[in-house]
């Protein structure tokens, strides 16, 4: 399962989710503004900006169409 850690009013987050929907890829969205535990997890992974995409052992930050398409 793909998890997208996003923030409110985040353009790159919206673009990431839009691309996943267009590619018919199932994902779970976790809002970092509303979930302190998720925010701590993302920081443990080494990221300080959203979105953060996690799928198994693969994780990355930002709007990355190339990386998103590889998750299929």
N, C-alpha and C. Protein backbone atom coordinates (compact mmCIF):
# COMPACT_ATOMS: atom_id res chain seq x y z
N UNK A 1 0.84 -1.19 0.00
CA UNK A 1 0.00 0.00 0.00
C UNK A 1 0.88 1.24 0.00
N UNK A 2 0.54 2.17 -0.85
CA UNK A 2 1.25 3.45 -0.92
C UNK A 2 0.65 4.38 0.13
N UNK A 3 1.51 5.03 0.89
CA UNK A 3 1.07 6.02 1.87
C UNK A 3 1.62 7.37 1.45
N UNK A 4 0.75 8.37 1.44
CA UNK A 4 1.15 9.74 1.10
C UNK A 4 0.97 10.59 2.35
N UNK A 5 2.08 11.05 2.89
CA UNK A 5 2.05 11.95 4.04
C UNK A 5 2.00 13.37 3.50
N UNK A 6 0.88 14.05 3.74
CA UNK A 6 0.66 15.35 3.11
C UNK A 6 0.36 16.42 4.16
N UNK A 7 0.30 17.65 3.68
CA UNK A 7 -0.04 18.79 4.53
C UNK A 7 -1.16 19.56 3.87
N UNK A 8 -1.87 20.34 4.68
CA UNK A 8 -2.92 21.21 4.15
C UNK A 8 -2.30 22.28 3.25
N UNK A 9 -2.99 22.64 2.21
CA UNK A 9 -2.56 23.71 1.29
C UNK A 9 -1.18 23.46 0.69
N UNK A 10 -0.87 22.21 0.38
CA UNK A 10 0.41 21.83 -0.19
C UNK A 10 0.21 21.48 -1.67
N UNK A 11 0.73 22.32 -2.54
CA UNK A 11 0.55 22.11 -3.98
C UNK A 11 1.19 20.81 -4.45
N UNK A 12 2.40 20.52 -4.01
CA UNK A 12 3.05 19.28 -4.42
C UNK A 12 2.30 18.06 -3.92
N UNK A 13 1.68 18.18 -2.75
CA UNK A 13 0.87 17.08 -2.21
C UNK A 13 -0.34 16.83 -3.11
N UNK A 14 -1.01 17.91 -3.50
CA UNK A 14 -2.17 17.78 -4.38
C UNK A 14 -1.78 17.17 -5.72
N UNK A 15 -0.65 17.59 -6.27
CA UNK A 15 -0.19 17.06 -7.55
C UNK A 15 0.14 15.57 -7.43
N UNK A 16 0.76 15.17 -6.32
CA UNK A 16 1.10 13.77 -6.09
C UNK A 16 -0.17 12.92 -6.03
N UNK A 17 -1.15 13.36 -5.25
CA UNK A 17 -2.40 12.61 -5.13
C UNK A 17 -3.14 12.55 -6.46
N UNK A 18 -3.14 13.64 -7.20
CA UNK A 18 -3.81 13.68 -8.50
C UNK A 18 -3.18 12.66 -9.46
N UNK A 19 -1.86 12.60 -9.49
CA UNK A 19 -1.18 11.65 -10.38
C UNK A 19 -1.50 10.20 -9.99
N UNK A 20 -1.51 9.93 -8.70
CA UNK A 20 -1.83 8.57 -8.25
C UNK A 20 -3.25 8.18 -8.67
N UNK A 21 -4.19 9.10 -8.54
CA UNK A 21 -5.57 8.83 -8.97
C UNK A 21 -5.62 8.60 -10.48
N UNK A 22 -4.93 9.45 -11.24
CA UNK A 22 -4.91 9.30 -12.71
C UNK A 22 -4.32 7.95 -13.12
N UNK A 23 -3.36 7.44 -12.36
CA UNK A 23 -2.71 6.17 -12.68
C UNK A 23 -3.45 4.98 -12.05
N UNK A 24 -4.62 5.25 -11.44
CA UNK A 24 -5.41 4.21 -10.77
C UNK A 24 -4.60 3.43 -9.74
N UNK A 25 -3.81 4.16 -8.97
CA UNK A 25 -2.99 3.55 -7.93
C UNK A 25 -3.62 3.85 -6.57
N UNK A 26 -3.93 2.80 -5.83
CA UNK A 26 -4.53 2.96 -4.50
C UNK A 26 -3.51 3.54 -3.53
N UNK A 27 -3.96 4.45 -2.69
CA UNK A 27 -3.07 5.04 -1.68
C UNK A 27 -3.86 5.46 -0.46
N UNK A 28 -3.16 5.60 0.63
CA UNK A 28 -3.72 6.11 1.87
C UNK A 28 -3.08 7.46 2.14
N UNK A 29 -3.91 8.45 2.41
CA UNK A 29 -3.38 9.78 2.72
C UNK A 29 -3.34 9.97 4.24
N UNK A 30 -2.22 10.47 4.73
CA UNK A 30 -2.05 10.76 6.15
C UNK A 30 -1.67 12.23 6.26
N UNK A 31 -2.50 13.00 6.94
CA UNK A 31 -2.30 14.44 7.05
C UNK A 31 -1.33 14.75 8.19
N UNK A 32 -0.20 15.31 7.84
CA UNK A 32 0.83 15.64 8.83
C UNK A 32 0.42 16.77 9.75
N UNK A 33 -0.48 17.65 9.28
CA UNK A 33 -0.94 18.76 10.12
C UNK A 33 -1.84 18.28 11.25
N UNK A 34 -2.44 17.10 11.07
CA UNK A 34 -3.41 16.59 12.05
C UNK A 34 -2.89 15.38 12.82
N UNK A 35 -1.68 14.91 12.51
CA UNK A 35 -1.20 13.67 13.10
C UNK A 35 0.26 13.83 13.57
N UNK A 36 0.45 14.16 14.84
CA UNK A 36 1.81 14.36 15.36
C UNK A 36 2.70 13.12 15.26
N UNK A 37 2.11 11.93 15.43
CA UNK A 37 2.90 10.69 15.33
C UNK A 37 3.43 10.52 13.91
N UNK A 38 2.60 10.81 12.93
CA UNK A 38 3.02 10.70 11.53
C UNK A 38 4.12 11.71 11.24
N UNK A 39 3.99 12.91 11.79
CA UNK A 39 5.01 13.94 11.60
C UNK A 39 6.35 13.47 12.16
N UNK A 40 6.32 12.84 13.33
CA UNK A 40 7.54 12.32 13.94
C UNK A 40 8.14 11.21 13.08
N UNK A 41 7.30 10.33 12.53
CA UNK A 41 7.77 9.24 11.67
C UNK A 41 8.48 9.78 10.43
N UNK A 42 7.87 10.79 9.80
CA UNK A 42 8.46 11.39 8.59
C UNK A 42 9.81 12.03 8.92
N UNK A 43 9.91 12.67 10.09
CA UNK A 43 11.18 13.26 10.50
C UNK A 43 12.23 12.17 10.75
N UNK A 44 11.80 11.03 11.31
CA UNK A 44 12.72 9.90 11.53
C UNK A 44 13.27 9.38 10.20
N UNK A 45 12.45 9.44 9.15
CA UNK A 45 12.90 9.02 7.82
C UNK A 45 13.89 10.02 7.23
N UNK A 46 13.94 11.23 7.81
CA UNK A 46 14.89 12.24 7.36
C UNK A 46 14.30 13.32 6.49
N UNK A 47 12.98 13.42 6.47
CA UNK A 47 12.32 14.42 5.61
C UNK A 47 11.76 15.57 6.43
N UNK A 48 11.82 16.75 5.84
CA UNK A 48 11.27 17.93 6.52
C UNK A 48 10.23 18.65 5.68
N UNK A 49 9.94 18.15 4.47
CA UNK A 49 8.91 18.77 3.66
C UNK A 49 8.00 17.71 3.05
N UNK A 50 6.80 18.12 2.76
CA UNK A 50 5.78 17.21 2.21
C UNK A 50 5.65 17.43 0.70
N UNK A 51 5.12 16.46 0.02
CA UNK A 51 4.66 15.17 0.50
C UNK A 51 5.80 14.20 0.67
N UNK A 52 5.55 13.21 1.52
CA UNK A 52 6.47 12.08 1.65
C UNK A 52 5.67 10.85 1.24
N UNK A 53 6.21 10.10 0.30
CA UNK A 53 5.54 8.89 -0.21
C UNK A 53 6.31 7.69 0.30
N UNK A 54 5.57 6.73 0.87
CA UNK A 54 6.18 5.51 1.40
C UNK A 54 5.45 4.31 0.80
N UNK A 55 6.21 3.39 0.25
CA UNK A 55 5.66 2.14 -0.27
C UNK A 55 6.66 1.03 0.01
N UNK A 56 6.38 0.25 1.03
CA UNK A 56 7.33 -0.79 1.43
C UNK A 56 8.62 -0.16 1.91
N UNK A 57 9.74 -0.58 1.31
CA UNK A 57 11.05 -0.05 1.69
C UNK A 57 11.42 1.22 0.93
N UNK A 58 10.57 1.62 -0.01
CA UNK A 58 10.85 2.79 -0.85
C UNK A 58 10.17 4.02 -0.24
N UNK A 59 10.92 5.11 -0.13
CA UNK A 59 10.30 6.37 0.31
C UNK A 59 11.06 7.53 -0.30
N UNK A 60 10.30 8.61 -0.55
CA UNK A 60 10.88 9.81 -1.13
C UNK A 60 9.98 10.99 -0.81
N UNK A 61 10.53 12.18 -1.02
CA UNK A 61 9.80 13.41 -0.74
C UNK A 61 9.65 14.23 -2.00
N UNK A 62 8.58 15.01 -2.04
CA UNK A 62 8.34 15.91 -3.16
C UNK A 62 7.47 15.28 -4.24
N UNK A 63 7.12 16.09 -5.24
CA UNK A 63 6.34 15.60 -6.37
C UNK A 63 7.31 14.97 -7.35
N UNK A 64 7.30 13.63 -7.44
CA UNK A 64 8.25 12.88 -8.26
C UNK A 64 7.50 11.93 -9.19
N UNK A 65 7.00 12.43 -10.31
CA UNK A 65 6.24 11.57 -11.23
C UNK A 65 7.02 10.32 -11.63
N UNK A 66 8.32 10.44 -11.87
CA UNK A 66 9.14 9.29 -12.26
C UNK A 66 9.12 8.21 -11.18
N UNK A 67 9.30 8.60 -9.93
CA UNK A 67 9.33 7.65 -8.83
C UNK A 67 7.94 7.08 -8.56
N UNK A 68 6.90 7.90 -8.70
CA UNK A 68 5.54 7.42 -8.47
C UNK A 68 5.16 6.32 -9.47
N UNK A 69 5.53 6.52 -10.72
CA UNK A 69 5.19 5.54 -11.76
C UNK A 69 5.91 4.22 -11.56
N UNK A 70 7.06 4.24 -10.90
CA UNK A 70 7.81 3.01 -10.62
C UNK A 70 7.17 2.19 -9.52
N UNK A 71 6.24 2.78 -8.77
CA UNK A 71 5.60 2.07 -7.67
C UNK A 71 4.52 1.10 -8.14
N UNK A 72 4.15 1.16 -9.41
CA UNK A 72 3.08 0.29 -9.94
C UNK A 72 3.39 -1.17 -9.72
